[in-house]
Amino acid sequence: MGAELTNFFKTNVAEPFLALTAFLHRENLLRLMGVIVVLVVAGALGLTYFEENRPFPDALWWSIVTLTTVGFGDISPLTLGGRLIGVVLMFFGIGVLGMFTATIAGVFVEKRLRKERGMGSYDHLNDHIILCGWNDRTKEILKDLRADARAAAAPIVLIADIEAKPVVDEHLSFVKGGLTEEHLQRAGIEQAATVVLVGDRSLEHVARDAKAVLSLLTVESLNPAVYSIVELASEDNVRHCERAGADEIIVGAEFSSRVISTATLDHGISTVLRELLSAQVGHDLITIPVSDALAERPFFDVFCDLKRDHGMIAMAIIPHGATTGGVVTNPAADAIVRSDDRLVVVSAGERHGS
């Protein structure tokens, strides 16, 4: 019990007090506060000296009101000496309080500017998303995430070598710089849930993929449990990404080529895919957990129940612990859906499991 009380006192009292003291000392606020206290006490003592019948608590109240230039008027000096003390307090009060409030305002403005310029640290976040790199593709990814109710207010940290935070988004934090260990730690990589590595469009294909693999190795070394999604330019480098520990690999050119070739033979396919893959329009392609009511039942029964009760269309099963290669698309009607599986469904606007 004693150890618990000691830890509680240390965490909730001692550490915040020491942090506050260090902040006040660093910003020279302790000196200003000391000057204010001296002026208030000296003013009160001066008033009681010139007006002997004035109680010290009343004089202290008058000194505070005068120094802050509030001027309630409930207490006022009657002697010449008392009034001179009041004049001194008024003039000094304007200057000292102005410096005090300006210093505090400057601290908050500087903190805000540091965040906007990517100089802040976000290692206090948990289960957040980290986006690496900024270009037209990243901008579209961010728009799509915010259009989905599941990520509309999710904390996202952007790591990019740009001058300032590129968009107005209160839930988006910004770390300026390349994808180094230091910047990843500032982005809270140890507690992150997902990392998205977007290819660097300023590099040619080979260098772009090499940078992506090296960045992935850095990410995995800092947090092997994080779910990593990597964009590559060439399918030839997929095996390197897999060895580096990528959870999902998206080859941009390959994906686009397959969509185009499919649309060439089956017109309208690209429109359907665009709607399913974008949270901004139409229905969405999402994953949901298997509820108790659906567990250990044939896929056909699950398919019918989801469509009838929730307006969803089940398209695939992701077995527990399976990689993208283990996904079963268009399962057999008698395939058993396990409780720890996940289902890939076309949603009807819902954002939760059945």
Protein backbone atom coordinates (compact mmCIF):
# COMPACT_ATOMS: atom_id res chain seq x y z
CA MET A 1 0.00 0.00 0.00
CA GLY A 2 2.86 2.35 0.90
CA ALA A 3 4.58 1.69 -2.43
CA GLU A 4 1.34 2.38 -4.32
CA LEU A 5 0.84 5.70 -2.49
CA THR A 6 4.44 6.64 -3.17
CA ASN A 7 4.07 5.88 -6.89
CA PHE A 8 0.76 7.76 -7.02
CA PHE A 9 2.29 10.81 -5.34
CA LYS A 10 5.32 10.67 -7.63
CA THR A 11 3.25 10.35 -10.83
CA ASN A 12 0.39 12.73 -10.03
CA VAL A 13 2.00 15.32 -7.78
CA ALA A 14 5.80 15.36 -7.75
CA GLU A 15 6.48 14.92 -11.47
CA PRO A 16 3.87 17.49 -12.64
CA PHE A 17 5.14 19.96 -10.02
CA LEU A 18 8.76 19.51 -11.12
CA ALA A 19 7.73 19.85 -14.78
CA LEU A 20 5.80 23.06 -14.01
CA THR A 21 8.73 24.46 -12.04
CA ALA A 22 11.14 23.66 -14.87
CA PHE A 23 8.79 25.34 -17.37
CA LEU A 24 8.47 28.50 -15.25
CA HIS A 25 12.24 28.67 -14.78
CA ARG A 26 12.97 28.05 -18.45
CA GLU A 27 10.67 30.83 -19.58
CA ASN A 28 11.86 33.27 -16.86
CA LEU A 29 8.35 33.34 -15.45
CA LEU A 30 9.55 32.70 -11.90
CA ARG A 31 11.42 36.00 -11.93
CA LEU A 32 8.37 37.88 -13.21
CA MET A 33 6.12 36.20 -10.65
CA GLY A 34 8.61 37.16 -7.93
CA VAL A 35 8.53 40.80 -9.06
CA ILE A 36 4.71 40.77 -9.01
CA VAL A 37 4.63 39.32 -5.47
CA VAL A 38 7.16 41.92 -4.25
CA LEU A 39 5.14 44.76 -5.77
CA VAL A 40 1.87 43.52 -4.27
CA VAL A 41 3.32 43.06 -0.77
CA ALA A 42 5.29 46.33 -0.90
CA GLY A 43 2.19 48.21 -2.07
CA ALA A 44 0.11 46.74 0.76
CA LEU A 45 2.77 47.57 3.36
CA GLY A 46 3.14 51.07 1.93
CA LEU A 47 -0.60 51.70 2.17
CA THR A 48 -0.78 50.49 5.80
CA TYR A 49 2.22 52.72 6.61
CA PHE A 50 0.59 55.88 5.29
CA GLU A 51 -2.88 54.92 6.46
CA GLU A 52 -2.43 53.34 9.85
CA ASN A 53 -6.09 52.47 10.33
CA ARG A 54 -6.12 50.33 7.15
CA PRO A 55 -6.13 46.53 7.87
CA PHE A 56 -3.38 44.65 6.04
CA PRO A 57 -5.78 42.18 4.30
CA ASP A 58 -7.73 45.14 2.85
CA ALA A 59 -4.47 46.79 1.79
CA LEU A 60 -3.35 43.54 0.14
CA TRP A 61 -6.65 43.33 -1.76
CA TRP A 62 -6.32 46.96 -2.88
CA SER A 63 -2.72 46.33 -3.99
CA ILE A 64 -3.74 43.38 -6.16
CA VAL A 65 -6.68 45.24 -7.72
CA THR A 66 -4.52 48.28 -8.42
CA LEU A 67 -1.60 46.31 -9.86
CA THR A 68 -3.89 44.46 -12.27
CA THR A 69 -5.55 47.81 -13.20
CA VAL A 70 -8.98 46.31 -12.47
CA GLY A 71 -9.98 49.19 -10.21
CA PHE A 72 -13.12 47.99 -8.40
CA GLY A 73 -13.12 51.18 -6.31
CA ASP A 74 -14.30 49.48 -3.13
CA ILE A 75 -11.07 50.54 -1.39
CA SER A 76 -9.17 53.73 -2.20
CA PRO A 77 -6.29 55.56 -0.48
CA LEU A 78 -7.15 58.78 1.35
CA THR A 79 -3.65 60.13 2.01
CA LEU A 80 -1.15 61.62 -0.43
CA GLY A 81 1.38 58.90 0.35
CA GLY A 82 -1.18 56.15 -0.28
CA ARG A 83 -2.13 57.68 -3.59
CA LEU A 84 1.52 57.90 -4.64
CA ILE A 85 1.85 54.19 -3.83
CA GLY A 86 -1.18 53.58 -6.05
CA VAL A 87 0.36 55.53 -8.94
CA VAL A 88 3.57 53.49 -8.70
CA LEU A 89 1.61 50.22 -8.62
CA MET A 90 -0.47 51.25 -11.67
CA PHE A 91 2.53 52.11 -13.84
CA PHE A 92 4.59 49.09 -12.76
CA GLY A 93 1.55 46.82 -12.95
CA ILE A 94 0.93 47.60 -16.63
CA GLY A 95 4.53 46.83 -17.54
CA VAL A 96 5.09 43.73 -15.41
CA LEU A 97 1.72 42.09 -16.16
CA GLY A 98 2.16 42.91 -19.84
CA MET A 99 5.51 41.10 -19.86
CA PHE A 100 3.99 38.16 -17.95
CA THR A 101 1.01 37.68 -20.28
CA ALA A 102 3.15 38.27 -23.39
CA THR A 103 5.60 35.59 -22.26
CA ILE A 104 2.84 33.05 -21.69
CA ALA A 105 1.20 33.90 -25.03
CA GLY A 106 4.58 33.62 -26.75
CA VAL A 107 5.10 30.13 -25.31
CA PHE A 108 1.77 28.90 -26.68
CA VAL A 109 2.31 30.56 -30.07
CA GLU A 110 5.79 29.06 -30.34
CA LYS A 111 4.45 25.63 -29.41
CA ARG A 112 1.77 25.93 -32.09
CA LEU A 113 4.29 27.05 -34.70
CA ARG A 114 6.62 24.19 -33.81
CA LYS A 115 3.81 21.72 -34.43
CA GLU A 116 2.81 23.36 -37.72
CA ARG A 117 6.45 23.25 -38.86
CA GLY A 118 6.86 19.61 -37.92
CA MET A 119 9.11 20.08 -34.89
CA GLY A 120 6.81 18.49 -32.31
CA SER A 121 6.90 15.02 -30.76
CA TYR A 122 3.93 12.63 -30.69
CA ASP A 123 5.26 9.64 -28.78
CA HIS A 124 2.25 9.96 -26.44
CA LEU A 125 -0.15 8.69 -29.13
CA ASN A 126 -1.42 5.09 -29.20
CA ASP A 127 -2.81 2.91 -32.00
CA HIS A 128 -2.43 5.73 -34.52
CA ILE A 129 -1.62 5.74 -38.23
CA ILE A 130 1.68 7.00 -39.64
CA LEU A 131 1.78 8.24 -43.24
CA CYS A 132 5.27 8.48 -44.72
CA GLY A 133 5.88 10.95 -47.55
CA TRP A 134 3.67 13.66 -49.03
CA ASN A 135 2.49 13.84 -52.64
CA ASP A 136 -0.76 13.68 -54.60
CA ARG A 137 -1.14 10.01 -53.66
CA THR A 138 -0.74 10.66 -49.94
CA LYS A 139 -3.19 13.55 -50.14
CA GLU A 140 -5.79 11.27 -51.70
CA ILE A 141 -5.13 8.57 -49.08
CA LEU A 142 -5.72 11.11 -46.32
CA LYS A 143 -8.95 12.33 -47.93
CA ASP A 144 -10.20 8.76 -48.25
CA LEU A 145 -9.37 7.96 -44.62
CA ARG A 146 -11.22 11.05 -43.39
CA ALA A 147 -14.23 10.18 -45.54
CA ASP A 148 -14.53 6.85 -43.70
CA ALA A 149 -16.35 7.15 -40.38
CA ARG A 150 -13.93 4.69 -38.78
CA ALA A 151 -10.98 7.03 -39.37
CA ALA A 152 -12.70 10.42 -39.53
CA ALA A 153 -11.21 11.46 -36.18
CA ALA A 154 -8.38 8.93 -35.94
CA PRO A 155 -4.96 10.31 -34.94
CA ILE A 156 -2.65 10.34 -37.96
CA VAL A 157 0.99 11.45 -38.03
CA LEU A 158 2.52 12.58 -41.33
CA ILE A 159 6.30 12.29 -41.79
CA ALA A 160 7.41 14.31 -44.81
CA ASP A 161 10.30 16.49 -45.89
CA ILE A 162 8.21 19.60 -46.52
CA GLU A 163 8.20 23.04 -44.91
CA ALA A 164 4.90 22.99 -43.02
CA LYS A 165 1.79 20.94 -42.33
CA PRO A 166 0.16 20.67 -45.77
CA VAL A 167 -3.54 20.53 -44.83
CA VAL A 168 -5.86 21.86 -42.15
CA ASP A 169 -6.76 18.80 -40.08
CA GLU A 170 -7.00 18.96 -36.29
CA HIS A 171 -6.36 15.22 -35.96
CA LEU A 172 -3.32 15.24 -38.28
CA SER A 173 0.10 15.76 -36.70
CA PHE A 174 3.21 16.59 -38.70
CA VAL A 175 6.87 15.59 -38.34
CA LYS A 176 9.24 17.35 -40.71
CA GLY A 177 12.09 15.33 -42.21
CA GLY A 178 12.99 12.07 -43.91
CA LEU A 179 12.10 8.60 -42.73
CA THR A 180 14.86 8.27 -40.13
CA GLU A 181 14.82 6.51 -36.77
CA GLU A 182 14.65 9.85 -34.95
CA HIS A 183 11.65 11.10 -36.92
CA LEU A 184 9.84 7.76 -36.58
CA GLN A 185 10.32 7.87 -32.81
CA ARG A 186 8.97 11.42 -32.72
CA ALA A 187 5.95 10.12 -34.64
CA GLY A 188 5.37 7.48 -31.93
CA ILE A 189 6.32 4.43 -33.99
CA GLU A 190 6.53 2.20 -30.90
CA GLN A 191 2.79 2.63 -30.21
CA ALA A 192 1.55 3.00 -33.80
CA ALA A 193 -0.99 0.57 -35.22
CA THR A 194 -0.32 1.06 -38.94
CA VAL A 195 2.44 2.56 -41.08
CA VAL A 196 1.87 3.47 -44.74
CA LEU A 197 5.00 3.87 -46.86
CA VAL A 198 4.18 5.75 -50.06
CA GLY A 199 6.74 5.66 -52.88
CA ASP A 200 8.91 8.73 -53.41
CA ARG A 201 7.80 10.12 -56.80
CA SER A 202 10.97 12.23 -57.11
CA LEU A 203 13.06 9.07 -57.61
CA GLU A 204 13.17 6.69 -60.54
CA HIS A 205 11.64 3.23 -60.04
CA VAL A 206 14.67 1.27 -58.83
CA ALA A 207 15.79 3.93 -56.34
CA ARG A 208 12.19 4.46 -55.21
CA ASP A 209 11.70 0.80 -54.33
CA ALA A 210 15.13 0.56 -52.70
CA LYS A 211 14.26 3.50 -50.47
CA ALA A 212 10.91 1.89 -49.61
CA VAL A 213 12.60 -1.39 -48.55
CA LEU A 214 15.21 0.42 -46.43
CA SER A 215 12.50 2.53 -44.80
CA LEU A 216 10.51 -0.62 -44.06
CA LEU A 217 13.54 -2.22 -42.39
CA THR A 218 13.85 0.85 -40.14
CA VAL A 219 10.16 0.70 -39.26
CA GLU A 220 10.25 -3.03 -38.48
CA SER A 221 13.38 -2.65 -36.32
CA LEU A 222 11.60 -0.08 -34.15
CA ASN A 223 8.23 -1.84 -33.96
CA PRO A 224 7.97 -5.37 -35.42
CA ALA A 225 4.29 -5.54 -34.39
CA VAL A 226 3.17 -2.55 -36.47
CA TYR A 227 1.05 -3.31 -39.55
CA SER A 228 3.06 -2.05 -42.53
CA ILE A 229 1.66 -1.22 -45.95
CA VAL A 230 4.22 -0.48 -48.68
CA GLU A 231 3.76 0.94 -52.17
CA LEU A 232 6.22 -0.31 -54.78
CA ALA A 233 6.84 0.71 -58.36
CA SER A 234 7.95 -2.70 -59.65
CA GLU A 235 6.71 -6.24 -58.98
CA ASP A 236 10.33 -7.43 -59.10
CA ASN A 237 10.91 -5.98 -55.63
CA VAL A 238 7.96 -7.61 -53.92
CA ARG A 239 10.06 -10.48 -52.55
CA HIS A 240 12.52 -8.01 -50.99
CA CYS A 241 9.65 -6.25 -49.25
CA GLU A 242 8.25 -9.55 -48.01
CA ARG A 243 11.64 -10.47 -46.53
CA ALA A 244 11.78 -7.07 -44.83
CA GLY A 245 8.50 -7.86 -43.07
CA ALA A 246 5.83 -5.96 -45.01
CA ASP A 247 2.26 -6.98 -44.14
CA GLU A 248 0.74 -5.66 -47.37
CA ILE A 249 2.46 -4.71 -50.62
CA ILE A 250 0.80 -2.66 -53.33
CA VAL A 251 2.46 -2.42 -56.73
CA GLY A 252 1.01 0.72 -58.29
CA ALA A 253 1.88 0.07 -61.92
CA GLU A 254 0.82 -3.58 -61.73
CA PHE A 255 -2.51 -2.74 -60.10
CA SER A 256 -3.28 -0.02 -62.66
CA SER A 257 -2.34 -2.31 -65.56
CA ARG A 258 -4.62 -5.09 -64.35
CA VAL A 259 -7.53 -2.70 -63.88
CA ILE A 260 -7.04 -1.31 -67.38
CA SER A 261 -6.73 -4.73 -69.02
CA THR A 262 -9.84 -5.98 -67.18
CA ALA A 263 -11.81 -2.88 -68.12
CA THR A 264 -10.79 -3.36 -71.73
CA LEU A 265 -12.60 -6.69 -71.87
CA ASP A 266 -15.30 -6.04 -69.27
CA HIS A 267 -16.43 -2.46 -69.59
CA GLY A 268 -17.37 -0.66 -66.39
CA ILE A 269 -15.17 -2.74 -64.06
CA SER A 270 -12.93 0.24 -63.23
CA THR A 271 -15.97 2.29 -62.15
CA VAL A 272 -17.10 -0.48 -59.81
CA LEU A 273 -13.61 -0.83 -58.32
CA ARG A 274 -13.26 2.91 -57.88
CA GLU A 275 -16.52 3.05 -55.92
CA LEU A 276 -15.67 0.04 -53.74
CA LEU A 277 -12.16 1.27 -52.93
CA SER A 278 -13.11 4.85 -52.14
CA ALA A 279 -14.84 5.87 -48.93
CA GLN A 280 -15.83 9.15 -50.56
CA VAL A 281 -18.45 7.71 -52.92
CA GLY A 282 -20.86 4.77 -52.95
CA HIS A 283 -20.49 1.60 -50.91
CA ASP A 284 -17.16 0.49 -49.48
CA LEU A 285 -15.09 -2.67 -49.40
CA ILE A 286 -14.31 -3.31 -45.73
CA THR A 287 -13.45 -6.13 -43.33
CA ILE A 288 -15.58 -7.10 -40.34
CA PRO A 289 -15.11 -9.59 -37.50
CA VAL A 290 -17.20 -12.73 -37.38
CA SER A 291 -19.91 -12.37 -34.75
CA ASP A 292 -20.98 -15.20 -32.46
CA ALA A 293 -24.19 -15.59 -34.44
CA LEU A 294 -22.24 -16.27 -37.64
CA ALA A 295 -19.32 -18.30 -36.29
CA GLU A 296 -18.88 -21.99 -37.20
CA ARG A 297 -21.51 -21.80 -39.94
CA PRO A 298 -21.30 -22.46 -43.70
CA PHE A 299 -20.33 -19.48 -45.82
CA PHE A 300 -23.60 -19.57 -47.79
CA ASP A 301 -25.64 -19.15 -44.58
CA VAL A 302 -23.38 -16.31 -43.46
CA PHE A 303 -23.72 -14.68 -46.88
CA CYS A 304 -27.52 -14.81 -46.73
CA ASP A 305 -27.74 -13.53 -43.15
CA LEU A 306 -25.43 -10.58 -43.83
CA LYS A 307 -27.37 -9.56 -46.93
CA ARG A 308 -30.78 -9.97 -45.31
CA ASP A 309 -30.01 -8.40 -41.93
CA HIS A 310 -27.32 -5.81 -42.75
CA GLY A 311 -27.42 -5.25 -46.50
CA MET A 312 -23.82 -6.47 -46.83
CA ILE A 313 -22.34 -8.75 -49.49
CA ALA A 314 -19.64 -11.15 -48.27
CA MET A 315 -16.89 -11.65 -50.84
CA ALA A 316 -13.96 -13.32 -49.06
CA ILE A 317 -12.67 -14.84 -45.84
CA ILE A 318 -9.42 -13.78 -44.20
CA PRO A 319 -8.38 -16.65 -41.91
CA HIS A 320 -6.88 -15.73 -38.55
CA GLY A 321 -3.18 -14.94 -38.87
CA ALA A 322 -3.22 -15.25 -42.66
CA THR A 323 -1.31 -12.86 -44.92
CA THR A 324 -2.82 -11.46 -48.08
CA GLY A 325 -1.86 -14.72 -49.78
CA GLY A 326 -4.12 -16.65 -47.41
CA VAL A 327 -7.31 -14.81 -48.32
CA VAL A 328 -10.08 -17.06 -49.69
CA THR A 329 -12.12 -15.17 -52.30
CA ASN A 330 -15.56 -16.43 -53.32
CA PRO A 331 -15.44 -19.32 -50.82
CA ALA A 332 -17.30 -22.55 -51.40
CA ALA A 333 -20.87 -22.56 -50.14
CA ASP A 334 -20.07 -25.17 -47.48
CA ALA A 335 -16.82 -23.50 -46.29
CA ILE A 336 -17.02 -23.05 -42.52
CA VAL A 337 -16.55 -19.50 -41.22
CA ARG A 338 -14.51 -19.58 -38.00
CA SER A 339 -14.98 -17.21 -35.06
CA ASP A 340 -11.47 -15.77 -35.39
CA ASP A 341 -11.74 -15.15 -39.14
CA ARG A 342 -12.52 -11.80 -40.74
CA LEU A 343 -14.92 -11.25 -43.63
CA VAL A 344 -14.36 -8.98 -46.61
CA VAL A 345 -17.73 -7.41 -47.41
CA VAL A 346 -19.31 -4.72 -49.52
CA SER A 347 -20.77 -2.48 -46.85
CA ALA A 348 -24.10 -0.71 -46.80
CA GLY A 349 -22.80 2.29 -44.91
CA GLU A 350 -22.18 0.40 -41.64
CA ARG A 351 -18.80 0.67 -39.95
CA HIS A 352 -19.01 -2.13 -37.42
CA GLY A 353 -19.20 -5.87 -37.30
CA SER A 354 -22.46 -7.69 -37.41
